Protein backbone atom coordinates (compact mmCIF):
# COMPACT_ATOMS: atom_id res chain seq x y z
CA ALA A 1 -115.38 9.90 -45.71
CA GLY A 2 -112.66 10.57 -42.64
CA ARG A 3 -111.84 8.41 -40.44
CA SER A 4 -114.09 7.15 -36.99
CA CYS A 5 -112.20 7.55 -33.95
CA ALA A 6 -115.22 5.28 -32.26
CA ARG A 7 -113.70 2.40 -30.84
CA SER A 8 -113.64 -1.44 -33.12
CA ARG A 9 -114.98 -4.26 -31.26
CA ALA A 10 -114.25 -6.40 -34.12
CA ALA A 11 -110.89 -7.95 -33.86
CA PRO A 12 -108.59 -7.52 -36.83
CA ALA A 13 -107.28 -11.23 -39.39
CA ASP A 14 -104.33 -10.43 -38.82
CA GLY A 15 -104.88 -10.48 -34.79
CA GLY A 16 -104.32 -7.49 -34.82
CA GLY A 17 -100.32 -6.51 -35.06
CA GLY A 18 -100.56 -5.48 -38.54
CA ALA A 19 -103.03 -2.92 -37.47
CA ARG A 20 -101.47 -2.02 -34.47
CA ARG A 21 -97.95 -0.67 -36.62
CA VAL A 22 -100.92 1.43 -39.35
CA GLN A 23 -101.97 2.96 -35.68
CA ALA A 24 -99.29 3.11 -34.16
CA ARG A 25 -97.74 5.42 -37.09
CA ARG A 26 -100.43 7.42 -37.78
CA ALA A 27 -100.17 8.53 -34.31
CA ALA A 28 -96.32 9.44 -35.68
CA MET A 29 -97.56 11.31 -37.98
CA SER A 30 -99.90 13.35 -35.39
CA ASP A 31 -99.34 16.87 -35.59
CA PHE A 32 -99.98 17.21 -32.34
CA TYR A 33 -98.67 16.43 -29.28
CA VAL A 34 -99.46 16.49 -25.46
CA GLY A 35 -99.97 19.71 -24.03
CA MET A 36 -100.39 21.80 -27.23
CA LYS A 37 -103.29 24.12 -27.04
CA ALA A 38 -105.86 23.62 -29.59
CA GLU A 39 -109.28 23.60 -30.73
CA TYR A 40 -112.37 21.63 -31.31
CA TRP A 41 -115.30 21.66 -32.94
CA SER A 42 -118.25 21.00 -31.78
CA PRO A 43 -121.40 19.69 -34.23
CA SER A 44 -123.26 20.60 -30.43
CA TYR A 45 -122.71 23.59 -30.08
CA ASN A 46 -121.61 24.41 -33.29
CA GLU A 47 -118.95 26.24 -32.36
CA TRP A 48 -115.00 25.78 -31.67
CA ILE A 49 -114.08 25.23 -27.97
CA GLU A 50 -110.57 26.50 -26.39
CA CYS A 51 -108.44 23.11 -25.42
CA ARG A 52 -105.56 20.92 -24.74
CA ILE A 53 -104.94 17.30 -25.55
CA ALA A 54 -103.61 15.01 -23.21
CA PHE A 55 -103.17 12.29 -25.25
CA VAL A 56 -103.04 11.14 -28.53
CA HIS A 57 -103.66 8.04 -29.08
CA ALA A 58 -102.57 5.22 -31.40
CA ASN A 59 -105.43 5.31 -34.22
CA GLY A 60 -104.79 8.95 -34.35
CA CYS A 61 -107.57 10.47 -32.16
CA LEU A 62 -107.01 13.31 -29.89
CA LYS A 63 -108.69 12.75 -25.61
CA LEU A 64 -109.06 16.83 -25.12
CA GLU A 65 -109.05 18.43 -22.13
CA ASN A 66 -111.08 21.55 -20.58
CA ILE A 67 -108.61 24.58 -21.03
CA ASP A 68 -109.43 25.07 -17.96
CA GLY A 69 -107.48 22.08 -16.40
CA SER A 70 -111.58 21.16 -15.26
CA GLY A 71 -111.79 17.75 -16.92
CA VAL A 72 -112.50 15.87 -20.09
CA LEU A 73 -113.79 17.35 -22.90
CA LYS A 74 -113.34 15.12 -25.42
CA GLU A 75 -111.83 10.94 -25.22
CA SER A 76 -111.50 10.26 -28.88
CA ALA A 77 -111.45 13.19 -30.99
CA ASP A 78 -110.97 12.90 -34.37
CA GLN A 79 -108.32 14.71 -35.69
CA SER A 80 -110.20 16.86 -38.75
CA ARG A 81 -112.64 18.47 -35.57
CA VAL A 82 -109.44 19.55 -34.24
CA ARG A 83 -107.16 22.60 -35.46
CA PRO A 84 -104.11 24.29 -33.55
CA HIS A 85 -104.66 27.01 -31.38
CA PRO A 86 -104.57 30.31 -32.78
CA ASP A 87 -101.39 31.04 -29.79
CA GLU A 88 -99.78 27.99 -31.28
CA LYS A 89 -99.52 29.70 -34.38
CA LYS A 90 -97.66 32.78 -32.99
CA GLN A 91 -94.90 30.80 -31.36
CA GLY A 92 -94.34 28.63 -34.64
CA GLY A 93 -96.70 26.11 -33.29
CA LYS A 94 -97.30 23.07 -35.91
CA GLY A 95 -94.56 21.00 -35.41
CA GLY A 96 -93.57 19.81 -32.23
CA PRO A 97 -93.71 19.49 -27.78
CA PRO A 98 -91.82 22.46 -27.40
CA PRO A 99 -88.33 22.58 -26.43
CA LEU A 100 -87.48 20.55 -23.37
């Protein structure tokens, strides 16, 4: 049972402060970063689709863009359906953004 990236409509009992801190920690622990090449498992197409990480949401979910820059692939994808692109692994991948 993985966590869902669906947006919750119910307000947290603590007013949201505690939930926001937990979400911020999840995002900080992410193995993904903006600009990283990745692959998304599409249950609709039953295949891996190349993409780029556009944004890491506070809850850990990922906004994915098409690799060719043609637009958004997935607004809020669960990390369990995303893996680093093979090119990222060759470059030492998994870790952080490339050096500036």
